[in-house]
């Protein structure tokens, strides 16, 4: 019985890994980072943009959250999503 459960668990984990959902999350996160940096760069002055220190992004239900870190401990947060599968990310 233990062997059957182990085999079933391994089989299901292989199916889950092969469906591409991890790759989709990586692609979505990469696209959202690009969209959020574009939005940040076009929305703020050169002084604020020059204070850029880094970005952190993570997938959430329905999109991606992105947080841009600035000098002096400030940060700008964006929620990014697609309206449909073929459209680019939109960040607010």
C-alpha atoms as a PDB file:
ATOM      1  CA  UNK A   1       0.000   0.000   0.000  1.00  0.00           C
ATOM      2  CA  UNK A   2       2.833   2.421   0.841  1.00  0.00           C
ATOM      3  CA  UNK A   3       4.462   1.691  -2.514  1.00  0.00           C
ATOM      4  CA  UNK A   4       1.212   2.432  -4.343  1.00  0.00           C
ATOM      5  CA  UNK A   5       0.840   5.764  -2.536  1.00  0.00           C
ATOM      6  CA  UNK A   6       4.473   6.651  -3.267  1.00  0.00           C
ATOM      7  CA  UNK A   7       4.146   5.762  -6.955  1.00  0.00           C
ATOM      8  CA  UNK A   8       0.909   7.738  -7.237  1.00  0.00           C
ATOM      9  CA  UNK A   9       2.481  10.771  -5.530  1.00  0.00           C
ATOM     10  CA  UNK A  10       5.517  10.674  -7.825  1.00  0.00           C
ATOM     11  CA  UNK A  11       3.328  10.278 -10.907  1.00  0.00           C
ATOM     12  CA  UNK A  12       1.105  13.220  -9.944  1.00  0.00           C
ATOM     13  CA  UNK A  13       4.096  15.433  -9.140  1.00  0.00           C
ATOM     14  CA  UNK A  14       5.556  14.729 -12.579  1.00  0.00           C
ATOM     15  CA  UNK A  15       2.271  15.708 -14.214  1.00  0.00           C
ATOM     16  CA  UNK A  16       2.131  18.919 -12.175  1.00  0.00           C
ATOM     17  CA  UNK A  17       5.691  19.838 -13.135  1.00  0.00           C
ATOM     18  CA  UNK A  18       5.191  19.127 -16.815  1.00  0.00           C
ATOM     19  CA  UNK A  19       2.105  21.309 -17.315  1.00  0.00           C
ATOM     20  CA  UNK A  20       4.173  24.489 -17.662  1.00  0.00           C
ATOM     21  CA  UNK A  21       2.489  26.443 -14.862  1.00  0.00           C
ATOM     22  CA  UNK A  22       5.881  27.204 -13.298  1.00  0.00           C
ATOM     23  CA  UNK A  23       7.170  28.495 -16.614  1.00  0.00           C
ATOM     24  CA  UNK A  24       4.046  30.630 -17.032  1.00  0.00           C
ATOM     25  CA  UNK A  25       4.570  32.189 -13.592  1.00  0.00           C
ATOM     26  CA  UNK A  26       8.194  32.977 -14.444  1.00  0.00           C
ATOM     27  CA  UNK A  27       7.233  34.509 -17.786  1.00  0.00           C
ATOM     28  CA  UNK A  28       4.411  36.524 -16.209  1.00  0.00           C
ATOM     29  CA  UNK A  29       6.700  37.778 -13.445  1.00  0.00           C
ATOM     30  CA  UNK A  30       9.382  38.755 -15.957  1.00  0.00           C
ATOM     31  CA  UNK A  31       6.840  40.610 -18.106  1.00  0.00           C
ATOM     32  CA  UNK A  32       5.346  42.343 -15.057  1.00  0.00           C
ATOM     33  CA  UNK A  33       8.793  43.497 -13.915  1.00  0.00           C
ATOM     34  CA  UNK A  34       9.369  45.078 -17.302  1.00  0.00           C
ATOM     35  CA  UNK A  35       5.926  46.731 -17.307  1.00  0.00           C
ATOM     36  CA  UNK A  36       6.309  48.051 -13.761  1.00  0.00           C
ATOM     37  CA  UNK A  37       9.759  49.497 -14.487  1.00  0.00           C
ATOM     38  CA  UNK A  38       8.397  51.192 -17.619  1.00  0.00           C
ATOM     39  CA  UNK A  39       5.507  52.644 -15.598  1.00  0.00           C
ATOM     40  CA  UNK A  40       7.885  53.768 -12.831  1.00  0.00           C
ATOM     41  CA  UNK A  41      10.283  55.421 -15.262  1.00  0.00           C
ATOM     42  CA  UNK A  42       7.505  57.297 -17.085  1.00  0.00           C
ATOM     43  CA  UNK A  43       5.656  58.361 -13.908  1.00  0.00           C
ATOM     44  CA  UNK A  44       8.427  59.868 -11.801  1.00  0.00           C
ATOM     45  CA  UNK A  45      11.081  62.574 -12.114  1.00  0.00           C
ATOM     46  CA  UNK A  46      14.672  61.785 -13.043  1.00  0.00           C
ATOM     47  CA  UNK A  47      15.710  62.358  -9.427  1.00  0.00           C
ATOM     48  CA  UNK A  48      13.323  59.662  -8.194  1.00  0.00           C
ATOM     49  CA  UNK A  49      14.252  57.280 -11.013  1.00  0.00           C
ATOM     50  CA  UNK A  50      17.934  57.825 -10.216  1.00  0.00           C
ATOM     51  CA  UNK A  51      17.274  56.711  -6.626  1.00  0.00           C
ATOM     52  CA  UNK A  52      16.270  53.211  -7.857  1.00  0.00           C
ATOM     53  CA  UNK A  53      17.864  50.470  -5.741  1.00  0.00           C
ATOM     54  CA  UNK A  54      16.086  47.270  -6.785  1.00  0.00           C
ATOM     55  CA  UNK A  55      12.843  45.501  -7.504  1.00  0.00           C
ATOM     56  CA  UNK A  56      11.027  42.526  -6.028  1.00  0.00           C
ATOM     57  CA  UNK A  57       8.118  40.829  -7.808  1.00  0.00           C
ATOM     58  CA  UNK A  58       6.003  37.809  -7.005  1.00  0.00           C
ATOM     59  CA  UNK A  59       2.997  36.095  -8.585  1.00  0.00           C
ATOM     60  CA  UNK A  60      -0.379  36.469  -6.893  1.00  0.00           C
ATOM     61  CA  UNK A  61      -3.844  35.340  -7.822  1.00  0.00           C
ATOM     62  CA  UNK A  62      -4.803  37.185 -10.987  1.00  0.00           C
ATOM     63  CA  UNK A  63      -1.437  38.824 -11.661  1.00  0.00           C
ATOM     64  CA  UNK A  64       1.879  39.911 -10.203  1.00  0.00           C
ATOM     65  CA  UNK A  65       2.820  42.323  -7.411  1.00  0.00           C
ATOM     66  CA  UNK A  66       5.966  44.410  -7.874  1.00  0.00           C
ATOM     67  CA  UNK A  67       7.756  46.599  -5.345  1.00  0.00           C
ATOM     68  CA  UNK A  68      10.437  49.040  -6.466  1.00  0.00           C
ATOM     69  CA  UNK A  69      12.912  50.011  -3.756  1.00  0.00           C
ATOM     70  CA  UNK A  70      14.465  53.471  -3.636  1.00  0.00           C
ATOM     71  CA  UNK A  71      17.226  55.118  -1.623  1.00  0.00           C
ATOM     72  CA  UNK A  72      16.285  56.401   1.819  1.00  0.00           C
ATOM     73  CA  UNK A  73      14.046  53.362   2.382  1.00  0.00           C
ATOM     74  CA  UNK A  74      11.186  54.529   0.165  1.00  0.00           C
ATOM     75  CA  UNK A  75       9.339  52.143  -2.134  1.00  0.00           C
ATOM     76  CA  UNK A  76       6.748  52.168  -4.900  1.00  0.00           C
ATOM     77  CA  UNK A  77       4.330  49.239  -5.231  1.00  0.00           C
ATOM     78  CA  UNK A  78       2.435  48.109  -8.311  1.00  0.00           C
ATOM     79  CA  UNK A  79      -0.241  45.522  -8.996  1.00  0.00           C
ATOM     80  CA  UNK A  80       0.142  44.153 -12.507  1.00  0.00           C
ATOM     81  CA  UNK A  81      -2.322  42.080 -14.517  1.00  0.00           C
ATOM     82  CA  UNK A  82      -3.343  41.144 -18.042  1.00  0.00           C
ATOM     83  CA  UNK A  83      -6.864  41.743 -19.312  1.00  0.00           C
ATOM     84  CA  UNK A  84      -6.550  38.700 -21.570  1.00  0.00           C
ATOM     85  CA  UNK A  85      -3.883  36.147 -22.427  1.00  0.00           C
ATOM     86  CA  UNK A  86      -2.548  37.957 -25.508  1.00  0.00           C
ATOM     87  CA  UNK A  87      -2.285  41.429 -24.014  1.00  0.00           C
ATOM     88  CA  UNK A  88       0.718  42.992 -22.261  1.00  0.00           C
ATOM     89  CA  UNK A  89       0.763  43.546 -18.505  1.00  0.00           C
ATOM     90  CA  UNK A  90      -0.840  46.695 -17.119  1.00  0.00           C
ATOM     91  CA  UNK A  91       0.460  48.022 -13.805  1.00  0.00           C
ATOM     92  CA  UNK A  92      -1.341  50.336 -11.366  1.00  0.00           C
END
